[in-house]
Amino acid sequence: EDAKWKKLAGDVEKCVRNFYSSETFAMLKELPQENWLEIEDFSFFYLEGKKIWAVIDCSFRTDAGITIIDWKTGRTTTGDSSLQLSCYAMYGKEKWRVNPEKIKLVEYNLLSDRKAEFLVTEGEIGNTRTYIKGSIADMQSLLVDVDNNVPKAEEFFRKIGDDKIRDRCNFRKVCV
């Protein structure tokens, strides 16, 4: 247990050191205040009347359009975040009335000190829109009353018996 906390503390220190020594930090320090858009705001956009939340780590205007930075602090891969970044592009398109092609999405992994840049097309946004609508339909299928957000009875939901899966679940108290 103690070794786990020491490793975590070491990872945190590495993330902080990497951030402060990065070109990204140097650039952000020089960015004029009027170019800043959002930092860690609880924002949202609507998709067919449904509120979709987006918390963007860092966003600002550039001569080319808008840049959105998503900080990562764990051992993630860029494939894991493509949906998230596409949602950010959807948000930027609606919020700042910018074509998605003018939104540069940056995933910056502070632990590995690696940066990856992405551009999202209208086609990818269409795919993300379809995915979100399907996810909403899946969630609503678990409700007896969609308008009042009333779930089906607890007996309807299967409990997970696999400890490896259950231990990572945010709702594990329900299964214990």
C-alpha atoms as a PDB file:
ATOM      1  CA  GLU A   1       0.000   0.000   0.000  1.00  0.00           C
ATOM      2  CA  ASP A   2       2.834   2.393   0.890  1.00  0.00           C
ATOM      3  CA  ALA A   3       4.623   1.592  -2.381  1.00  0.00           C
ATOM      4  CA  LYS A   4       1.445   2.409  -4.287  1.00  0.00           C
ATOM      5  CA  TRP A   5       1.274   5.886  -2.718  1.00  0.00           C
ATOM      6  CA  LYS A   6       4.991   6.510  -3.343  1.00  0.00           C
ATOM      7  CA  LYS A   7       4.527   5.609  -7.017  1.00  0.00           C
ATOM      8  CA  LEU A   8       1.497   7.886  -7.253  1.00  0.00           C
ATOM      9  CA  ALA A   9       3.418  10.755  -5.620  1.00  0.00           C
ATOM     10  CA  GLY A  10       6.295  10.181  -8.042  1.00  0.00           C
ATOM     11  CA  ASP A  11       3.889  10.253 -11.001  1.00  0.00           C
ATOM     12  CA  VAL A  12       2.331  13.502  -9.768  1.00  0.00           C
ATOM     13  CA  GLU A  13       5.750  15.108  -9.361  1.00  0.00           C
ATOM     14  CA  LYS A  14       6.757  13.964 -12.862  1.00  0.00           C
ATOM     15  CA  CYS A  15       3.549  15.433 -14.352  1.00  0.00           C
ATOM     16  CA  VAL A  16       4.130  18.786 -12.665  1.00  0.00           C
ATOM     17  CA  ARG A  17       7.794  18.916 -13.716  1.00  0.00           C
ATOM     18  CA  ASN A  18       6.937  17.969 -17.296  1.00  0.00           C
ATOM     19  CA  PHE A  19       4.244  20.637 -17.473  1.00  0.00           C
ATOM     20  CA  TYR A  20       6.420  23.469 -16.161  1.00  0.00           C
ATOM     21  CA  SER A  21       9.302  22.560 -18.467  1.00  0.00           C
ATOM     22  CA  SER A  22       7.101  22.113 -21.564  1.00  0.00           C
ATOM     23  CA  GLU A  23       6.866  24.276 -24.667  1.00  0.00           C
ATOM     24  CA  THR A  24       3.103  24.285 -24.078  1.00  0.00           C
ATOM     25  CA  PHE A  25       3.515  26.028 -20.711  1.00  0.00           C
ATOM     26  CA  ALA A  26       5.953  28.532 -22.210  1.00  0.00           C
ATOM     27  CA  MET A  27       3.459  29.304 -24.993  1.00  0.00           C
ATOM     28  CA  LEU A  28       0.523  29.618 -22.574  1.00  0.00           C
ATOM     29  CA  LYS A  29       2.456  32.082 -20.384  1.00  0.00           C
ATOM     30  CA  GLU A  30       2.873  34.373 -23.400  1.00  0.00           C
ATOM     31  CA  LEU A  31      -0.719  34.044 -24.644  1.00  0.00           C
ATOM     32  CA  PRO A  32      -2.606  37.372 -24.443  1.00  0.00           C
ATOM     33  CA  GLN A  33      -5.482  37.294 -21.965  1.00  0.00           C
ATOM     34  CA  GLU A  34      -8.041  38.205 -24.636  1.00  0.00           C
ATOM     35  CA  ASN A  35      -7.221  34.967 -26.496  1.00  0.00           C
ATOM     36  CA  TRP A  36      -8.234  32.725 -23.578  1.00  0.00           C
ATOM     37  CA  LEU A  37     -11.643  31.075 -23.941  1.00  0.00           C
ATOM     38  CA  GLU A  38     -12.228  28.493 -21.190  1.00  0.00           C
ATOM     39  CA  ILE A  39     -10.273  26.669 -18.525  1.00  0.00           C
ATOM     40  CA  GLU A  40     -11.992  23.859 -16.595  1.00  0.00           C
ATOM     41  CA  ASP A  41     -15.480  25.384 -16.920  1.00  0.00           C
ATOM     42  CA  PHE A  42     -18.491  23.095 -16.583  1.00  0.00           C
ATOM     43  CA  SER A  43     -19.984  23.809 -19.985  1.00  0.00           C
ATOM     44  CA  PHE A  44     -22.490  22.075 -22.190  1.00  0.00           C
ATOM     45  CA  PHE A  45     -24.068  21.934 -25.607  1.00  0.00           C
ATOM     46  CA  TYR A  46     -27.359  20.490 -26.768  1.00  0.00           C
ATOM     47  CA  LEU A  47     -27.858  17.522 -29.040  1.00  0.00           C
ATOM     48  CA  GLU A  48     -31.501  17.127 -30.070  1.00  0.00           C
ATOM     49  CA  GLY A  49     -32.660  18.737 -26.849  1.00  0.00           C
ATOM     50  CA  LYS A  50     -30.350  16.723 -24.584  1.00  0.00           C
ATOM     51  CA  LYS A  51     -27.719  18.506 -22.550  1.00  0.00           C
ATOM     52  CA  ILE A  52     -24.210  17.174 -23.191  1.00  0.00           C
ATOM     53  CA  TRP A  53     -21.622  18.267 -20.642  1.00  0.00           C
ATOM     54  CA  ALA A  54     -18.084  19.215 -21.622  1.00  0.00           C
ATOM     55  CA  VAL A  55     -15.292  20.269 -19.287  1.00  0.00           C
ATOM     56  CA  ILE A  56     -12.451  21.550 -21.412  1.00  0.00           C
ATOM     57  CA  ASP A  57      -9.095  21.714 -19.675  1.00  0.00           C
ATOM     58  CA  CYS A  58      -7.758  24.625 -21.718  1.00  0.00           C
ATOM     59  CA  SER A  59      -8.943  26.517 -24.808  1.00  0.00           C
ATOM     60  CA  PHE A  60      -7.821  29.647 -26.605  1.00  0.00           C
ATOM     61  CA  ARG A  61      -7.983  31.516 -29.912  1.00  0.00           C
ATOM     62  CA  THR A  62      -5.147  31.481 -32.413  1.00  0.00           C
ATOM     63  CA  ASP A  63      -4.690  33.067 -35.824  1.00  0.00           C
ATOM     64  CA  ALA A  64      -5.703  29.729 -37.377  1.00  0.00           C
ATOM     65  CA  GLY A  65      -8.827  29.214 -35.228  1.00  0.00           C
ATOM     66  CA  ILE A  66      -9.166  27.612 -31.813  1.00  0.00           C
ATOM     67  CA  THR A  67      -6.972  25.233 -29.842  1.00  0.00           C
ATOM     68  CA  ILE A  68      -8.379  22.911 -27.189  1.00  0.00           C
ATOM     69  CA  ILE A  69      -5.924  21.110 -24.894  1.00  0.00           C
ATOM     70  CA  ASP A  70      -6.859  18.001 -22.958  1.00  0.00           C
ATOM     71  CA  TRP A  71      -4.352  17.190 -20.212  1.00  0.00           C
ATOM     72  CA  LYS A  72      -3.802  13.527 -19.426  1.00  0.00           C
ATOM     73  CA  THR A  73      -2.003  12.445 -16.285  1.00  0.00           C
ATOM     74  CA  GLY A  74      -2.157   8.648 -16.601  1.00  0.00           C
ATOM     75  CA  ARG A  75      -0.965   5.989 -18.934  1.00  0.00           C
ATOM     76  CA  THR A  76      -3.622   6.555 -21.577  1.00  0.00           C
ATOM     77  CA  THR A  77      -3.500   6.117 -25.301  1.00  0.00           C
ATOM     78  CA  THR A  78      -4.837   8.545 -27.856  1.00  0.00           C
ATOM     79  CA  GLY A  79      -7.344   5.947 -29.087  1.00  0.00           C
ATOM     80  CA  ASP A  80      -9.064   6.109 -25.713  1.00  0.00           C
ATOM     81  CA  SER A  81      -9.768   9.820 -26.051  1.00  0.00           C
ATOM     82  CA  SER A  82     -10.898  10.223 -29.681  1.00  0.00           C
ATOM     83  CA  LEU A  83     -14.575  10.301 -28.662  1.00  0.00           C
ATOM     84  CA  GLN A  84     -13.855  12.862 -25.956  1.00  0.00           C
ATOM     85  CA  LEU A  85     -11.909  15.089 -28.339  1.00  0.00           C
ATOM     86  CA  SER A  86     -14.627  14.828 -30.975  1.00  0.00           C
ATOM     87  CA  CYS A  87     -17.166  15.940 -28.350  1.00  0.00           C
ATOM     88  CA  TYR A  88     -14.937  18.921 -27.597  1.00  0.00           C
ATOM     89  CA  ALA A  89     -14.941  19.772 -31.304  1.00  0.00           C
ATOM     90  CA  MET A  90     -18.758  19.547 -31.326  1.00  0.00           C
ATOM     91  CA  TYR A  91     -18.851  21.889 -28.341  1.00  0.00           C
ATOM     92  CA  GLY A  92     -16.386  24.328 -29.953  1.00  0.00           C
ATOM     93  CA  LYS A  93     -18.364  24.343 -33.174  1.00  0.00           C
ATOM     94  CA  GLU A  94     -21.555  25.296 -31.334  1.00  0.00           C
ATOM     95  CA  LYS A  95     -20.100  27.566 -28.651  1.00  0.00           C
ATOM     96  CA  TRP A  96     -17.663  29.606 -30.739  1.00  0.00           C
ATOM     97  CA  ARG A  97     -19.291  29.126 -34.170  1.00  0.00           C
ATOM     98  CA  VAL A  98     -16.092  27.708 -35.656  1.00  0.00           C
ATOM     99  CA  ASN A  99     -15.809  25.083 -38.374  1.00  0.00           C
ATOM    100  CA  PRO A 100     -14.401  21.857 -36.895  1.00  0.00           C
ATOM    101  CA  GLU A 101     -11.491  22.018 -39.328  1.00  0.00           C
ATOM    102  CA  LYS A 102     -10.371  25.206 -37.551  1.00  0.00           C
ATOM    103  CA  ILE A 103     -10.335  23.526 -34.132  1.00  0.00           C
ATOM    104  CA  LYS A 104      -6.982  22.005 -33.215  1.00  0.00           C
ATOM    105  CA  LEU A 105      -7.357  19.351 -30.551  1.00  0.00           C
ATOM    106  CA  VAL A 106      -4.299  18.602 -28.457  1.00  0.00           C
ATOM    107  CA  GLU A 107      -3.938  15.661 -26.115  1.00  0.00           C
ATOM    108  CA  TYR A 108      -0.990  16.310 -23.846  1.00  0.00           C
ATOM    109  CA  ASN A 109       0.026  13.424 -21.606  1.00  0.00           C
ATOM    110  CA  LEU A 110       1.930  15.006 -18.764  1.00  0.00           C
ATOM    111  CA  LEU A 111       3.219  11.712 -17.374  1.00  0.00           C
ATOM    112  CA  SER A 112       4.882  10.640 -20.615  1.00  0.00           C
ATOM    113  CA  ASP A 113       5.497  14.257 -21.739  1.00  0.00           C
ATOM    114  CA  ARG A 114       3.966  13.499 -25.131  1.00  0.00           C
ATOM    115  CA  LYS A 115       1.694  15.681 -27.178  1.00  0.00           C
ATOM    116  CA  ALA A 116      -0.578  14.559 -30.011  1.00  0.00           C
ATOM    117  CA  GLU A 117      -2.548  16.940 -32.234  1.00  0.00           C
ATOM    118  CA  PHE A 118      -5.802  16.129 -34.022  1.00  0.00           C
ATOM    119  CA  LEU A 119      -8.248  17.738 -36.388  1.00  0.00           C
ATOM    120  CA  VAL A 120     -11.838  16.487 -36.516  1.00  0.00           C
ATOM    121  CA  THR A 121     -13.894  16.526 -39.696  1.00  0.00           C
ATOM    122  CA  GLU A 122     -17.631  17.045 -40.085  1.00  0.00           C
ATOM    123  CA  GLY A 123     -17.856  13.315 -40.867  1.00  0.00           C
ATOM    124  CA  GLU A 124     -16.235  12.386 -37.554  1.00  0.00           C
ATOM    125  CA  ILE A 125     -18.557  14.762 -35.742  1.00  0.00           C
ATOM    126  CA  GLY A 126     -21.475  13.013 -37.455  1.00  0.00           C
ATOM    127  CA  ASN A 127     -20.178   9.662 -36.179  1.00  0.00           C
ATOM    128  CA  THR A 128     -19.819  11.080 -32.669  1.00  0.00           C
ATOM    129  CA  ARG A 129     -23.340  12.506 -32.837  1.00  0.00           C
ATOM    130  CA  THR A 130     -24.668   9.048 -33.804  1.00  0.00           C
ATOM    131  CA  TYR A 131     -22.703   7.420 -30.979  1.00  0.00           C
ATOM    132  CA  ILE A 132     -24.015   9.887 -28.397  1.00  0.00           C
ATOM    133  CA  LYS A 133     -27.606   9.443 -29.565  1.00  0.00           C
ATOM    134  CA  GLY A 134     -27.181   5.661 -29.266  1.00  0.00           C
ATOM    135  CA  SER A 135     -25.696   6.040 -25.792  1.00  0.00           C
ATOM    136  CA  ILE A 136     -28.627   8.221 -24.719  1.00  0.00           C
ATOM    137  CA  ALA A 137     -31.058   5.608 -26.066  1.00  0.00           C
ATOM    138  CA  ASP A 138     -29.197   2.869 -24.153  1.00  0.00           C
ATOM    139  CA  MET A 139     -29.388   4.855 -20.911  1.00  0.00           C
ATOM    140  CA  GLN A 140     -33.045   5.706 -21.423  1.00  0.00           C
ATOM    141  CA  SER A 141     -33.832   2.016 -21.985  1.00  0.00           C
ATOM    142  CA  LEU A 142     -32.982   1.514 -18.304  1.00  0.00           C
ATOM    143  CA  LEU A 143     -35.696   3.944 -17.186  1.00  0.00           C
ATOM    144  CA  VAL A 144     -39.375   3.312 -16.568  1.00  0.00           C
ATOM    145  CA  ASP A 145     -40.081   7.051 -16.783  1.00  0.00           C
ATOM    146  CA  VAL A 146     -37.712   8.945 -19.091  1.00  0.00           C
ATOM    147  CA  ASP A 147     -39.224  12.387 -18.437  1.00  0.00           C
ATOM    148  CA  ASN A 148     -38.706  12.080 -14.670  1.00  0.00           C
ATOM    149  CA  ASN A 149     -35.476  10.012 -14.870  1.00  0.00           C
ATOM    150  CA  VAL A 150     -36.953   7.102 -12.890  1.00  0.00           C
ATOM    151  CA  PRO A 151     -34.939   3.880 -13.223  1.00  0.00           C
ATOM    152  CA  LYS A 152     -36.272   0.364 -13.539  1.00  0.00           C
ATOM    153  CA  ALA A 153     -36.366  -1.712 -10.358  1.00  0.00           C
ATOM    154  CA  GLU A 154     -33.003  -2.791  -8.917  1.00  0.00           C
ATOM    155  CA  GLU A 155     -33.804  -6.430  -9.713  1.00  0.00           C
ATOM    156  CA  PHE A 156     -33.656  -5.545 -13.428  1.00  0.00           C
ATOM    157  CA  PHE A 157     -29.919  -4.833 -13.198  1.00  0.00           C
ATOM    158  CA  ARG A 158     -27.477  -7.748 -13.227  1.00  0.00           C
ATOM    159  CA  LYS A 159     -24.738  -7.581 -10.616  1.00  0.00           C
ATOM    160  CA  ILE A 160     -21.172  -8.216 -11.726  1.00  0.00           C
ATOM    161  CA  GLY A 161     -19.521 -11.146  -9.988  1.00  0.00           C
ATOM    162  CA  ASP A 162     -16.021 -10.644 -11.406  1.00  0.00           C
ATOM    163  CA  ASP A 163     -13.935  -8.913  -8.716  1.00  0.00           C
ATOM    164  CA  LYS A 164     -11.507  -7.416 -11.283  1.00  0.00           C
ATOM    165  CA  ILE A 165     -14.328  -5.615 -13.047  1.00  0.00           C
ATOM    166  CA  ARG A 166     -16.267  -4.735  -9.895  1.00  0.00           C
ATOM    167  CA  ASP A 167     -13.215  -3.274  -8.125  1.00  0.00           C
ATOM    168  CA  ARG A 168     -12.799  -0.653 -10.877  1.00  0.00           C
ATOM    169  CA  CYS A 169     -16.484   0.307 -10.893  1.00  0.00           C
ATOM    170  CA  ASN A 170     -17.602   3.657  -9.487  1.00  0.00           C
ATOM    171  CA  PHE A 171     -20.852   2.021  -8.349  1.00  0.00           C
ATOM    172  CA  ARG A 172     -19.363  -1.091  -6.706  1.00  0.00           C
ATOM    173  CA  LYS A 173     -21.239  -0.516  -3.414  1.00  0.00           C
ATOM    174  CA  VAL A 174     -24.418  -1.613  -5.188  1.00  0.00           C
ATOM    175  CA  CYS A 175     -22.878  -5.016  -6.012  1.00  0.00           C
ATOM    176  CA  VAL A 176     -21.367  -5.739  -2.595  1.00  0.00           C
END
